[in-house]
PDB file of N, CA and C in Angstrom:
ATOM      1  N   MET A   1     -16.428 -68.609 -45.303  1.00  0.00           N
ATOM      2  CA  MET A   1     -15.535 -69.750 -45.274  1.00  0.00           C
ATOM      3  C   MET A   1     -15.842 -70.652 -46.471  1.00  0.00           C
ATOM      4  N   LYS A   2     -14.820 -71.009 -47.211  1.00  0.00           N
ATOM      5  CA  LYS A   2     -14.984 -71.832 -48.402  1.00  0.00           C
ATOM      6  C   LYS A   2     -15.071 -73.306 -48.006  1.00  0.00           C
ATOM      7  N   GLN A   3     -16.075 -74.002 -48.512  1.00  0.00           N
ATOM      8  CA  GLN A   3     -16.214 -75.424 -48.218  1.00  0.00           C
ATOM      9  C   GLN A   3     -15.570 -76.235 -49.333  1.00  0.00           C
ATOM     10  N   LEU A   4     -14.819 -77.208 -48.931  1.00  0.00           N
ATOM     11  CA  LEU A   4     -14.206 -78.107 -49.901  1.00  0.00           C
ATOM     12  C   LEU A   4     -15.060 -79.354 -49.998  1.00  0.00           C
ATOM     13  N   GLY A   5     -15.177 -79.883 -51.148  1.00  0.00           N
ATOM     14  CA  GLY A   5     -15.956 -81.104 -51.316  1.00  0.00           C
ATOM     15  C   GLY A   5     -16.098 -81.438 -52.785  1.00  0.00           C
ATOM     16  N   LEU A   6     -16.759 -82.531 -53.047  1.00  0.00           N
ATOM     17  CA  LEU A   6     -16.969 -82.967 -54.418  1.00  0.00           C
ATOM     18  C   LEU A   6     -18.220 -82.317 -54.976  1.00  0.00           C
ATOM     19  N   LEU A   7     -18.171 -81.966 -56.228  1.00  0.00           N
ATOM     20  CA  LEU A   7     -19.360 -81.463 -56.903  1.00  0.00           C
ATOM     21  C   LEU A   7     -20.309 -82.623 -57.158  1.00  0.00           C
ATOM     22  N   GLU A   8     -21.582 -82.321 -57.236  1.00  0.00           N
ATOM     23  CA  GLU A   8     -22.557 -83.374 -57.483  1.00  0.00           C
ATOM     24  C   GLU A   8     -22.220 -84.092 -58.787  1.00  0.00           C
ATOM     25  N   GLY A   9     -22.211 -85.408 -58.743  1.00  0.00           N
ATOM     26  CA  GLY A   9     -21.913 -86.201 -59.931  1.00  0.00           C
ATOM     27  C   GLY A   9     -20.437 -86.464 -60.156  1.00  0.00           C
ATOM     28  N   SER A  10     -19.551 -85.887 -59.342  1.00  0.00           N
ATOM     29  CA  SER A  10     -18.120 -86.134 -59.514  1.00  0.00           C
ATOM     30  C   SER A  10     -17.663 -87.186 -58.513  1.00  0.00           C
ATOM     31  N   ASN A  11     -16.454 -87.664 -58.706  1.00  0.00           N
ATOM     32  CA  ASN A  11     -15.896 -88.625 -57.758  1.00  0.00           C
ATOM     33  C   ASN A  11     -14.419 -88.320 -57.557  1.00  0.00           C
ATOM     34  N   ILE A  12     -13.814 -88.973 -56.593  1.00  0.00           N
ATOM     35  CA  ILE A  12     -12.416 -88.676 -56.262  1.00  0.00           C
ATOM     36  C   ILE A  12     -11.447 -89.094 -57.356  1.00  0.00           C
ATOM     37  N   PHE A  13     -11.910 -89.882 -58.328  1.00  0.00           N
ATOM     38  CA  PHE A  13     -11.041 -90.354 -59.390  1.00  0.00           C
ATOM     39  C   PHE A  13     -11.159 -89.512 -60.655  1.00  0.00           C
ATOM     40  N   GLY A  14     -11.918 -88.419 -60.615  1.00  0.00           N
ATOM     41  CA  GLY A  14     -12.126 -87.615 -61.813  1.00  0.00           C
ATOM     42  C   GLY A  14     -13.033 -88.355 -62.773  1.00  0.00           C
ATOM     43  N   ASP A  15     -12.635 -88.390 -64.039  1.00  0.00           N
ATOM     44  CA  ASP A  15     -13.444 -89.078 -65.043  1.00  0.00           C
ATOM     45  C   ASP A  15     -13.146 -90.571 -65.103  1.00  0.00           C
ATOM     46  N   GLU A  16     -12.067 -90.991 -64.464  1.00  0.00           N
ATOM     47  CA  GLU A  16     -11.672 -92.395 -64.527  1.00  0.00           C
ATOM     48  C   GLU A  16     -12.138 -93.132 -63.285  1.00  0.00           C
ATOM     49  N   VAL A  17     -12.720 -94.280 -63.490  1.00  0.00           N
ATOM     50  CA  VAL A  17     -13.119 -95.138 -62.382  1.00  0.00           C
ATOM     51  C   VAL A  17     -12.169 -96.327 -62.399  1.00  0.00           C
ATOM     52  N   PRO A  18     -11.454 -96.565 -61.298  1.00  0.00           N
ATOM     53  CA  PRO A  18     -10.494 -97.671 -61.300  1.00  0.00           C
ATOM     54  C   PRO A  18     -11.205 -99.013 -61.447  1.00  0.00           C
ATOM     55  N   GLU A  19     -10.517 -99.933 -62.110  1.00  0.00           N
ATOM     56  CA  GLU A  19     -11.063-101.269 -62.294  1.00  0.00           C
ATOM     57  C   GLU A  19     -11.010-102.012 -60.964  1.00  0.00           C
ATOM     58  N   LYS A  20     -12.099-102.661 -60.611  1.00  0.00           N
ATOM     59  CA  LYS A  20     -12.148-103.410 -59.359  1.00  0.00           C
ATOM     60  C   LYS A  20     -11.262-104.649 -59.487  1.00  0.00           C
ATOM     61  N   GLN A  21     -10.374-104.818 -58.536  1.00  0.00           N
ATOM     62  CA  GLN A  21      -9.472-105.960 -58.542  1.00  0.00           C
ATOM     63  C   GLN A  21     -10.145-107.146 -57.858  1.00  0.00           C
ATOM     64  N   PRO A  22      -9.981-108.350 -58.390  1.00  0.00           N
ATOM     65  CA  PRO A  22     -10.590-109.512 -57.752  1.00  0.00           C
ATOM     66  C   PRO A  22      -9.918-109.806 -56.409  1.00  0.00           C
ATOM     67  N   ASP A  23     -10.699-110.290 -55.484  1.00  0.00           N
ATOM     68  CA  ASP A  23     -10.188-110.665 -54.170  1.00  0.00           C
ATOM     69  C   ASP A  23      -9.610-112.071 -54.290  1.00  0.00           C
ATOM     70  N   PRO A  24      -8.300-112.251 -54.067  1.00  0.00           N
ATOM     71  CA  PRO A  24      -7.702-113.570 -54.255  1.00  0.00           C
ATOM     72  C   PRO A  24      -8.184-114.614 -53.247  1.00  0.00           C
ATOM     73  N   TYR A  25      -8.863-114.174 -52.200  1.00  0.00           N
ATOM     74  CA  TYR A  25      -9.316-115.104 -51.175  1.00  0.00           C
ATOM     75  C   TYR A  25     -10.806-115.412 -51.261  1.00  0.00           C
ATOM     76  N   ARG A  26     -11.472-114.948 -52.328  1.00  0.00           N
ATOM     77  CA  ARG A  26     -12.901-115.222 -52.523  1.00  0.00           C
ATOM     78  C   ARG A  26     -13.138-115.755 -53.932  1.00  0.00           C
ATOM     79  N   THR A  27     -14.157-116.604 -54.057  1.00  0.00           N
ATOM     80  CA  THR A  27     -14.551-117.108 -55.366  1.00  0.00           C
ATOM     81  C   THR A  27     -15.357-116.032 -56.085  1.00  0.00           C
ATOM     82  N   ALA A  28     -15.704-116.280 -57.350  1.00  0.00           N
ATOM     83  CA  ALA A  28     -16.469-115.306 -58.135  1.00  0.00           C
ATOM     84  C   ALA A  28     -17.821-114.995 -57.500  1.00  0.00           C
ATOM     85  N   ASP A  29     -18.399-115.958 -56.775  1.00  0.00           N
ATOM     86  CA  ASP A  29     -19.696-115.710 -56.137  1.00  0.00           C
ATOM     87  C   ASP A  29     -19.565-115.180 -54.709  1.00  0.00           C
ATOM     88  N   GLY A  30     -18.356-114.817 -54.290  1.00  0.00           N
ATOM     89  CA  GLY A  30     -18.162-114.167 -52.998  1.00  0.00           C
ATOM     90  C   GLY A  30     -17.839-115.085 -51.830  1.00  0.00           C
ATOM     91  N   GLU A  31     -17.802-116.388 -52.042  1.00  0.00           N
ATOM     92  CA  GLU A  31     -17.489-117.322 -50.964  1.00  0.00           C
ATOM     93  C   GLU A  31     -15.985-117.309 -50.672  1.00  0.00           C
ATOM     94  N   ILE A  32     -15.630-117.475 -49.406  1.00  0.00           N
ATOM     95  CA  ILE A  32     -14.215-117.553 -49.034  1.00  0.00           C
ATOM     96  C   ILE A  32     -13.658-118.878 -49.539  1.00  0.00           C
ATOM     97  N   ARG A  33     -12.499-118.821 -50.172  1.00  0.00           N
ATOM     98  CA  ARG A  33     -11.861-120.037 -50.693  1.00  0.00           C
ATOM     99  C   ARG A  33     -11.456-120.967 -49.546  1.00  0.00           C
ATOM    100  N   ALA A  34     -11.192-122.219 -49.866  1.00  0.00           N
ATOM    101  CA  ALA A  34     -10.887-123.230 -48.857  1.00  0.00           C
ATOM    102  C   ALA A  34      -9.610-122.925 -48.086  1.00  0.00           C
ATOM    103  N   LEU A  35      -8.541-122.500 -48.764  1.00  0.00           N
ATOM    104  CA  LEU A  35      -7.269-122.268 -48.078  1.00  0.00           C
ATOM    105  C   LEU A  35      -7.388-121.220 -46.977  1.00  0.00           C
ATOM    106  N   PRO A  36      -7.955-120.032 -47.249  1.00  0.00           N
ATOM    107  CA  PRO A  36      -8.088-119.067 -46.151  1.00  0.00           C
ATOM    108  C   PRO A  36      -8.965-119.582 -45.014  1.00  0.00           C
ATOM    109  N   SER A  37     -10.017-120.332 -45.332  1.00  0.00           N
ATOM    110  CA  SER A  37     -10.884-120.870 -44.284  1.00  0.00           C
ATOM    111  C   SER A  37     -10.104-121.807 -43.373  1.00  0.00           C
ATOM    112  N   LYS A  38      -9.338-122.724 -43.973  1.00  0.00           N
ATOM    113  CA  LYS A  38      -8.514-123.648 -43.187  1.00  0.00           C
ATOM    114  C   LYS A  38      -7.466-122.881 -42.393  1.00  0.00           C
ATOM    115  N   ALA A  39      -6.856-121.888 -43.031  1.00  0.00           N
ATOM    116  CA  ALA A  39      -5.811-121.107 -42.370  1.00  0.00           C
ATOM    117  C   ALA A  39      -6.368-120.339 -41.176  1.00  0.00           C
ATOM    118  N   ILE A  40      -7.562-119.766 -41.319  1.00  0.00           N
ATOM    119  CA  ILE A  40      -8.168-119.012 -40.219  1.00  0.00           C
ATOM    120  C   ILE A  40      -8.470-119.935 -39.047  1.00  0.00           C
ATOM    121  N   LEU A  41      -9.047-121.101 -39.318  1.00  0.00           N
ATOM    122  CA  LEU A  41      -9.335-122.056 -38.237  1.00  0.00           C
ATOM    123  C   LEU A  41      -8.052-122.489 -37.532  1.00  0.00           C
ATOM    124  N   TRP A  42      -7.011-122.772 -38.322  1.00  0.00           N
ATOM    125  CA  TRP A  42      -5.727-123.152 -37.738  1.00  0.00           C
ATOM    126  C   TRP A  42      -5.184-122.022 -36.875  1.00  0.00           C
ATOM    127  N   TYR A  43      -5.254-120.774 -37.375  1.00  0.00           N
ATOM    128  CA  TYR A  43      -4.711-119.610 -36.673  1.00  0.00           C
ATOM    129  C   TYR A  43      -5.400-119.409 -35.326  1.00  0.00           C
ATOM    130  N   VAL A  44      -6.720-119.558 -35.310  1.00  0.00           N
ATOM    131  CA  VAL A  44      -7.486-119.403 -34.068  1.00  0.00           C
ATOM    132  C   VAL A  44      -7.032-120.433 -33.036  1.00  0.00           C
ATOM    133  N   LYS A  45      -6.912-121.695 -33.458  1.00  0.00           N
ATOM    134  CA  LYS A  45      -6.485-122.756 -32.535  1.00  0.00           C
ATOM    135  C   LYS A  45      -5.035-122.565 -32.099  1.00  0.00           C
ATOM    136  N   GLU A  46      -4.161-122.265 -33.054  1.00  0.00           N
ATOM    137  CA  GLU A  46      -2.726-122.126 -32.780  1.00  0.00           C
ATOM    138  C   GLU A  46      -2.433-121.019 -31.770  1.00  0.00           C
ATOM    139  N   HIS A  47      -3.167-119.917 -31.862  1.00  0.00           N
ATOM    140  CA  HIS A  47      -2.887-118.758 -31.016  1.00  0.00           C
ATOM    141  C   HIS A  47      -3.880-118.577 -29.870  1.00  0.00           C
ATOM    142  N   GLY A  48      -4.811-119.507 -29.692  1.00  0.00           N
ATOM    143  CA  GLY A  48      -5.773-119.428 -28.594  1.00  0.00           C
ATOM    144  C   GLY A  48      -6.638-118.178 -28.653  1.00  0.00           C
ATOM    145  N   LEU A  49      -7.176-117.875 -29.828  1.00  0.00           N
ATOM    146  CA  LEU A  49      -7.936-116.638 -30.031  1.00  0.00           C
ATOM    147  C   LEU A  49      -9.430-116.908 -30.131  1.00  0.00           C
ATOM    148  N   THR A  50     -10.207-115.852 -29.970  1.00  0.00           N
ATOM    149  CA  THR A  50     -11.648-115.883 -30.183  1.00  0.00           C
ATOM    150  C   THR A  50     -11.961-114.885 -31.289  1.00  0.00           C
ATOM    151  N   LEU A  51     -12.733-115.316 -32.279  1.00  0.00           N
ATOM    152  CA  LEU A  51     -13.109-114.419 -33.364  1.00  0.00           C
ATOM    153  C   LEU A  51     -13.953-113.286 -32.814  1.00  0.00           C
ATOM    154  N   TRP A  52     -13.619-112.054 -33.209  1.00  0.00           N
ATOM    155  CA  TRP A  52     -14.327-110.885 -32.692  1.00  0.00           C
ATOM    156  C   TRP A  52     -15.115-110.187 -33.780  1.00  0.00           C
ATOM    157  N   ALA A  53     -14.511-109.897 -34.932  1.00  0.00           N
ATOM    158  CA  ALA A  53     -15.215-109.197 -36.010  1.00  0.00           C
ATOM    159  C   ALA A  53     -14.531-109.444 -37.344  1.00  0.00           C
ATOM    160  N   THR A  54     -15.335-109.526 -38.389  1.00  0.00           N
ATOM    161  CA  THR A  54     -14.781-109.719 -39.729  1.00  0.00           C
ATOM    162  C   THR A  54     -15.247-108.650 -40.700  1.00  0.00           C
ATOM    163  N   GLY A  55     -15.913-107.628 -40.243  1.00  0.00           N
ATOM    164  CA  GLY A  55     -16.488-106.618 -41.122  1.00  0.00           C
ATOM    165  C   GLY A  55     -15.485-105.791 -41.897  1.00  0.00           C
ATOM    166  N   ALA A  56     -14.246-105.753 -41.470  1.00  0.00           N
ATOM    167  CA  ALA A  56     -13.240-104.917 -42.133  1.00  0.00           C
ATOM    168  C   ALA A  56     -12.372-105.748 -43.067  1.00  0.00           C
ATOM    169  N   TRP A  57     -12.992-106.645 -43.805  1.00  0.00           N
ATOM    170  CA  TRP A  57     -12.270-107.533 -44.714  1.00  0.00           C
ATOM    171  C   TRP A  57     -11.254-106.750 -45.518  1.00  0.00           C
ATOM    172  N   PRO A  58     -10.026-107.163 -45.683  1.00  0.00           N
ATOM    173  CA  PRO A  58      -9.509-108.486 -45.381  1.00  0.00           C
ATOM    174  C   PRO A  58      -8.886-108.617 -43.994  1.00  0.00           C
ATOM    175  N   THR A  59      -9.161-107.686 -43.082  1.00  0.00           N
ATOM    176  CA  THR A  59      -8.648-107.805 -41.718  1.00  0.00           C
ATOM    177  C   THR A  59      -9.684-108.497 -40.845  1.00  0.00           C
ATOM    178  N   ILE A  60      -9.218-109.460 -40.060  1.00  0.00           N
ATOM    179  CA  ILE A  60     -10.082-110.156 -39.112  1.00  0.00           C
ATOM    180  C   ILE A  60      -9.602-109.783 -37.721  1.00  0.00           C
ATOM    181  N   TYR A  61     -10.530-109.491 -36.844  1.00  0.00           N
ATOM    182  CA  TYR A  61     -10.182-109.095 -35.485  1.00  0.00           C
ATOM    183  C   TYR A  61     -10.475-110.231 -34.522  1.00  0.00           C
ATOM    184  N   PHE A  62      -9.516-110.474 -33.626  1.00  0.00           N
ATOM    185  CA  PHE A  62      -9.620-111.523 -32.627  1.00  0.00           C
ATOM    186  C   PHE A  62      -9.466-110.911 -31.246  1.00  0.00           C
ATOM    187  N   VAL A  63      -9.881-111.673 -30.244  1.00  0.00           N
ATOM    188  CA  VAL A  63      -9.630-111.311 -28.855  1.00  0.00           C
ATOM    189  C   VAL A  63      -8.727-112.399 -28.296  1.00  0.00           C
ATOM    190  N   THR A  64      -7.607-111.994 -27.694  1.00  0.00           N
ATOM    191  CA  THR A  64      -6.661-112.954 -27.129  1.00  0.00           C
ATOM    192  C   THR A  64      -7.162-113.444 -25.777  1.00  0.00           C
ATOM    193  N   GLU A  65      -6.475-114.431 -25.220  1.00  0.00           N
ATOM    194  CA  GLU A  65      -6.869-114.983 -23.922  1.00  0.00           C
ATOM    195  C   GLU A  65      -6.841-113.942 -22.816  1.00  0.00           C
ATOM    196  N   ASP A  66      -6.001-112.900 -22.956  1.00  0.00           N
ATOM    197  CA  ASP A  66      -5.950-111.840 -21.940  1.00  0.00           C
ATOM    198  C   ASP A  66      -6.780-110.617 -22.361  1.00  0.00           C
ATOM    199  N   ASP A  67      -7.826-110.851 -23.177  1.00  0.00           N
ATOM    200  CA  ASP A  67      -8.800-109.833 -23.600  1.00  0.00           C
ATOM    201  C   ASP A  67      -8.208-108.661 -24.374  1.00  0.00           C
ATOM    202  N   GLN A  68      -7.127-108.882 -25.094  1.00  0.00           N
ATOM    203  CA  GLN A  68      -6.558-107.860 -25.965  1.00  0.00           C
ATOM    204  C   GLN A  68      -7.093-108.076 -27.378  1.00  0.00           C
ATOM    205  N   GLN A  69      -7.426-106.985 -28.071  1.00  0.00           N
ATOM    206  CA  GLN A  69      -7.894-107.101 -29.446  1.00  0.00           C
ATOM    207  C   GLN A  69      -6.698-107.149 -30.387  1.00  0.00           C
ATOM    208  N   GLN A  70      -6.805-107.997 -31.394  1.00  0.00           N
ATOM    209  CA  GLN A  70      -5.716-108.179 -32.346  1.00  0.00           C
ATOM    210  C   GLN A  70      -6.312-108.238 -33.747  1.00  0.00           C
ATOM    211  N   GLY A  71      -5.815-107.411 -34.665  1.00  0.00           N
ATOM    212  CA  GLY A  71      -6.266-107.436 -36.053  1.00  0.00           C
ATOM    213  C   GLY A  71      -5.193-108.042 -36.938  1.00  0.00           C
ATOM    214  N   VAL A  72      -5.583-108.991 -37.777  1.00  0.00           N
ATOM    215  CA  VAL A  72      -4.647-109.673 -38.660  1.00  0.00           C
ATOM    216  C   VAL A  72      -5.295-109.776 -40.038  1.00  0.00           C
ATOM    217  N   THR A  73      -4.524-109.529 -41.090  1.00  0.00           N
ATOM    218  CA  THR A  73      -5.090-109.652 -42.435  1.00  0.00           C
ATOM    219  C   THR A  73      -5.105-111.113 -42.869  1.00  0.00           C
ATOM    220  N   ILE A  74      -6.005-111.404 -43.787  1.00  0.00           N
ATOM    221  CA  ILE A  74      -6.097-112.760 -44.325  1.00  0.00           C
ATOM    222  C   ILE A  74      -4.764-113.167 -44.946  1.00  0.00           C
ATOM    223  N   GLY A  75      -4.116-112.253 -45.644  1.00  0.00           N
ATOM    224  CA  GLY A  75      -2.826-112.554 -46.267  1.00  0.00           C
ATOM    225  C   GLY A  75      -1.785-112.995 -45.256  1.00  0.00           C
ATOM    226  N   GLU A  76      -1.726-112.314 -44.111  1.00  0.00           N
ATOM    227  CA  GLU A  76      -0.766-112.684 -43.063  1.00  0.00           C
ATOM    228  C   GLU A  76      -1.080-114.065 -42.501  1.00  0.00           C
ATOM    229  N   ILE A  77      -2.363-114.347 -42.303  1.00  0.00           N
ATOM    230  CA  ILE A  77      -2.766-115.652 -41.766  1.00  0.00           C
ATOM    231  C   ILE A  77      -2.408-116.756 -42.752  1.00  0.00           C
ATOM    232  N   VAL A  78      -2.708-116.553 -44.032  1.00  0.00           N
ATOM    233  CA  VAL A  78      -2.414-117.569 -45.047  1.00  0.00           C
ATOM    234  C   VAL A  78      -0.909-117.793 -45.161  1.00  0.00           C
ATOM    235  N   GLU A  79      -0.117-116.723 -45.146  1.00  0.00           N
ATOM    236  CA  GLU A  79       1.344-116.870 -45.210  1.00  0.00           C
ATOM    237  C   GLU A  79       1.869-117.662 -44.017  1.00  0.00           C
ATOM    238  N   ASP A  80       1.381-117.362 -42.826  1.00  0.00           N
ATOM    239  CA  ASP A  80       1.795-118.072 -41.614  1.00  0.00           C
ATOM    240  C   ASP A  80       1.402-119.544 -41.709  1.00  0.00           C
ATOM    241  N   TYR A  81       0.183-119.804 -42.165  1.00  0.00           N
ATOM    242  CA  TYR A  81      -0.319-121.169 -42.317  1.00  0.00           C
ATOM    243  C   TYR A  81       0.527-121.949 -43.314  1.00  0.00           C
ATOM    244  N   GLN A  82       0.807-121.339 -44.461  1.00  0.00           N
ATOM    245  CA  GLN A  82       1.595-122.023 -45.487  1.00  0.00           C
ATOM    246  C   GLN A  82       3.021-122.273 -45.010  1.00  0.00           C
ATOM    247  N   ALA A  83       3.596-121.340 -44.275  1.00  0.00           N
ATOM    248  CA  ALA A  83       4.953-121.526 -43.752  1.00  0.00           C
ATOM    249  C   ALA A  83       4.984-122.684 -42.761  1.00  0.00           C
ATOM    250  N   ARG A  84       4.012-122.751 -41.866  1.00  0.00           N
ATOM    251  CA  ARG A  84       3.950-123.854 -40.900  1.00  0.00           C
ATOM    252  C   ARG A  84       3.695-125.168 -41.602  1.00  0.00           C
ATOM    253  N   ASP A  85       2.735-125.157 -42.546  1.00  0.00           N
ATOM    254  CA  ASP A  85       2.388-126.364 -43.263  1.00  0.00           C
ATOM    255  C   ASP A  85       3.589-126.862 -44.052  1.00  0.00           C
ATOM    256  N   HIS A  86       4.345-125.946 -44.646  1.00  0.00           N
ATOM    257  CA  HIS A  86       5.530-126.314 -45.408  1.00  0.00           C
ATOM    258  C   HIS A  86       6.573-126.955 -44.493  1.00  0.00           C
ATOM    259  N   LYS A  87       6.772-126.376 -43.308  1.00  0.00           N
ATOM    260  CA  LYS A  87       7.730-126.942 -42.356  1.00  0.00           C
ATOM    261  C   LYS A  87       7.300-128.339 -41.933  1.00  0.00           C
ATOM    262  N   ASN A  88       5.990-128.522 -41.683  1.00  0.00           N
ATOM    263  CA  ASN A  88       5.491-129.826 -41.257  1.00  0.00           C
ATOM    264  C   ASN A  88       5.643-130.870 -42.357  1.00  0.00           C
ATOM    265  N   ASN A  89       5.518-130.459 -43.615  1.00  0.00           N
ATOM    266  CA  ASN A  89       5.658-131.402 -44.719  1.00  0.00           C
ATOM    267  C   ASN A  89       7.101-131.843 -44.915  1.00  0.00           C
ATOM    268  N   ARG A  90       8.051-131.047 -44.466  1.00  0.00           N
ATOM    269  CA  ARG A  90       9.468-131.411 -44.595  1.00  0.00           C
ATOM    270  C   ARG A  90       9.891-132.422 -43.535  1.00  0.00           C
ATOM    271  N   ALA A  91       9.233-132.393 -42.406  1.00  0.00           N
ATOM    272  CA  ALA A  91       9.651-133.235 -41.272  1.00  0.00           C
ATOM    273  C   ALA A  91       9.386-134.695 -41.525  1.00  0.00           C
TER     274      ALA A  91
END
């Protein structure tokens, strides 16, 4: 039976290594920027959630009041926060 796999010293990108893209929600030293932090706190309060896990960045996992797990990306939380904040600023 033939085994498929990478040869020693090779990678899935061949000879090219993709350039690492900066995370728009973190500073150069790895800290979470202020907007996502505020948005996450707002999201937890707004939806009555409990933080469950953050290891799969940029997805954050919450537990709802009825013990259901919910995964949401930072981008979705920030968009929701900005949309609500924008509506509140118009009122």
